[in-house]
Amino acid sequence: MISWKKNNVTEDKVLQRNTIIGGGSKALWEYVQILIEDVVEKGYLPKKEAD
């Protein structure tokens, strides 16, 4: 998770990269989104890239 910050990975990048999961399983994609929200809330993953 530290590498996310070090490499400027943000929530929007993670969501975009993993949207393919939704094509295979809607339930799994919903769970992944919950996990991503959790790591954002805990501060491990920045919300989105600053403009």
N, C-alpha and C. Protein backbone atom coordinates (compact mmCIF):
# COMPACT_ATOMS: atom_id res chain seq x y z
N MET A 1 0.80 -1.18 0.00
CA MET A 1 0.00 0.00 0.00
C MET A 1 0.85 1.26 0.00
N ILE A 2 2.01 1.18 0.60
CA ILE A 2 2.93 2.31 0.56
C ILE A 2 3.35 2.58 -0.87
N SER A 3 3.47 1.53 -1.67
CA SER A 3 3.87 1.73 -3.06
C SER A 3 2.81 2.49 -3.85
N TRP A 4 1.54 2.44 -3.43
CA TRP A 4 0.51 3.24 -4.09
C TRP A 4 0.86 4.72 -3.97
N LYS A 5 1.19 5.15 -2.79
CA LYS A 5 1.53 6.55 -2.57
C LYS A 5 2.82 6.90 -3.29
N LYS A 6 3.80 6.02 -3.18
CA LYS A 6 5.10 6.26 -3.80
C LYS A 6 4.99 6.40 -5.31
N ASN A 7 4.07 5.67 -5.92
CA ASN A 7 3.91 5.67 -7.37
C ASN A 7 2.73 6.51 -7.84
N ASN A 8 2.21 7.36 -6.95
CA ASN A 8 1.10 8.27 -7.28
C ASN A 8 -0.14 7.55 -7.82
N VAL A 9 -0.44 6.40 -7.25
CA VAL A 9 -1.65 5.66 -7.62
C VAL A 9 -2.80 6.20 -6.78
N THR A 10 -3.90 6.51 -7.44
CA THR A 10 -5.06 7.09 -6.77
C THR A 10 -6.29 6.21 -6.96
N GLU A 11 -7.32 6.53 -6.20
CA GLU A 11 -8.56 5.74 -6.26
C GLU A 11 -9.10 5.64 -7.68
N ASP A 12 -9.13 6.75 -8.39
CA ASP A 12 -9.69 6.71 -9.74
C ASP A 12 -8.89 5.82 -10.67
N LYS A 13 -7.56 5.78 -10.49
CA LYS A 13 -6.72 4.90 -11.31
C LYS A 13 -6.99 3.43 -11.00
N VAL A 14 -7.14 3.11 -9.72
CA VAL A 14 -7.41 1.73 -9.30
C VAL A 14 -8.77 1.28 -9.83
N LEU A 15 -9.77 2.14 -9.70
CA LEU A 15 -11.11 1.80 -10.20
C LEU A 15 -11.09 1.59 -11.71
N GLN A 16 -10.43 2.50 -12.41
CA GLN A 16 -10.36 2.39 -13.87
C GLN A 16 -9.66 1.11 -14.30
N ARG A 17 -8.58 0.79 -13.65
CA ARG A 17 -7.79 -0.39 -14.00
C ARG A 17 -8.56 -1.69 -13.75
N ASN A 18 -9.45 -1.67 -12.76
CA ASN A 18 -10.14 -2.89 -12.36
C ASN A 18 -11.58 -3.00 -12.82
N THR A 19 -12.05 -2.09 -13.64
CA THR A 19 -13.43 -2.15 -14.11
C THR A 19 -13.73 -3.44 -14.87
N ILE A 20 -12.72 -4.07 -15.42
CA ILE A 20 -12.91 -5.32 -16.15
C ILE A 20 -13.54 -6.40 -15.27
N ILE A 21 -13.32 -6.31 -13.98
CA ILE A 21 -13.89 -7.28 -13.04
C ILE A 21 -15.41 -7.30 -13.16
N GLY A 22 -16.01 -6.13 -13.36
CA GLY A 22 -17.46 -6.03 -13.47
C GLY A 22 -18.03 -6.79 -14.65
N GLY A 23 -17.24 -6.94 -15.70
CA GLY A 23 -17.69 -7.71 -16.85
C GLY A 23 -17.79 -9.20 -16.57
N GLY A 24 -17.02 -9.66 -15.61
CA GLY A 24 -17.03 -11.07 -15.26
C GLY A 24 -17.99 -11.40 -14.13
N SER A 25 -18.07 -10.48 -13.17
CA SER A 25 -18.92 -10.73 -12.00
C SER A 25 -19.34 -9.42 -11.37
N LYS A 26 -20.63 -9.12 -11.47
CA LYS A 26 -21.15 -7.90 -10.86
C LYS A 26 -20.95 -7.91 -9.35
N ALA A 27 -21.21 -9.06 -8.73
CA ALA A 27 -21.08 -9.17 -7.27
C ALA A 27 -19.63 -8.95 -6.83
N LEU A 28 -18.69 -9.52 -7.56
CA LEU A 28 -17.27 -9.35 -7.22
C LEU A 28 -16.86 -7.89 -7.39
N TRP A 29 -17.32 -7.25 -8.47
CA TRP A 29 -17.00 -5.85 -8.71
C TRP A 29 -17.54 -4.97 -7.58
N GLU A 30 -18.74 -5.24 -7.12
CA GLU A 30 -19.31 -4.47 -6.01
C GLU A 30 -18.46 -4.64 -4.75
N TYR A 31 -17.98 -5.86 -4.52
CA TYR A 31 -17.14 -6.12 -3.35
C TYR A 31 -15.79 -5.39 -3.49
N VAL A 32 -15.21 -5.41 -4.67
CA VAL A 32 -13.94 -4.72 -4.90
C VAL A 32 -14.11 -3.22 -4.65
N GLN A 33 -15.21 -2.65 -5.08
CA GLN A 33 -15.45 -1.23 -4.85
C GLN A 33 -15.54 -0.92 -3.36
N ILE A 34 -16.14 -1.80 -2.60
CA ILE A 34 -16.20 -1.63 -1.14
C ILE A 34 -14.80 -1.67 -0.54
N LEU A 35 -13.99 -2.61 -1.00
CA LEU A 35 -12.61 -2.70 -0.50
C LEU A 35 -11.81 -1.44 -0.83
N ILE A 36 -11.99 -0.93 -2.04
CA ILE A 36 -11.27 0.28 -2.45
C ILE A 36 -11.72 1.47 -1.60
N GLU A 37 -13.01 1.59 -1.37
CA GLU A 37 -13.53 2.67 -0.51
C GLU A 37 -12.92 2.58 0.89
N ASP A 38 -12.77 1.36 1.39
CA ASP A 38 -12.21 1.14 2.72
C ASP A 38 -10.76 1.62 2.81
N VAL A 39 -9.94 1.28 1.82
CA VAL A 39 -8.54 1.71 1.88
C VAL A 39 -8.40 3.21 1.68
N VAL A 40 -9.33 3.81 0.95
CA VAL A 40 -9.33 5.27 0.80
C VAL A 40 -9.67 5.91 2.15
N GLU A 41 -10.70 5.41 2.81
CA GLU A 41 -11.10 5.94 4.11
C GLU A 41 -10.00 5.80 5.16
N LYS A 42 -9.23 4.72 5.06
CA LYS A 42 -8.14 4.49 6.01
C LYS A 42 -6.88 5.29 5.67
N GLY A 43 -6.89 5.94 4.50
CA GLY A 43 -5.75 6.78 4.12
C GLY A 43 -4.63 6.06 3.39
N TYR A 44 -4.84 4.80 3.04
CA TYR A 44 -3.81 4.05 2.33
C TYR A 44 -3.74 4.40 0.85
N LEU A 45 -4.86 4.87 0.31
CA LEU A 45 -4.97 5.19 -1.12
C LEU A 45 -5.58 6.58 -1.25
N PRO A 46 -4.87 7.49 -1.92
CA PRO A 46 -5.42 8.83 -2.09
C PRO A 46 -6.73 8.83 -2.88
N LYS A 47 -7.63 9.75 -2.55
CA LYS A 47 -8.95 9.83 -3.15
C LYS A 47 -8.89 9.94 -4.67
N LYS A 48 -8.23 10.95 -5.19
CA LYS A 48 -8.06 11.08 -6.64
C LYS A 48 -6.91 12.01 -6.92
N GLU A 49 -6.44 11.96 -8.14
CA GLU A 49 -5.31 12.78 -8.53
C GLU A 49 -5.68 14.25 -8.45
N ALA A 50 -4.78 15.04 -7.87
CA ALA A 50 -5.01 16.48 -7.78
C ALA A 50 -4.93 17.11 -9.16
N ASP A 51 -5.81 18.08 -9.39
CA ASP A 51 -5.83 18.77 -10.69
C ASP A 51 -4.77 19.83 -10.78
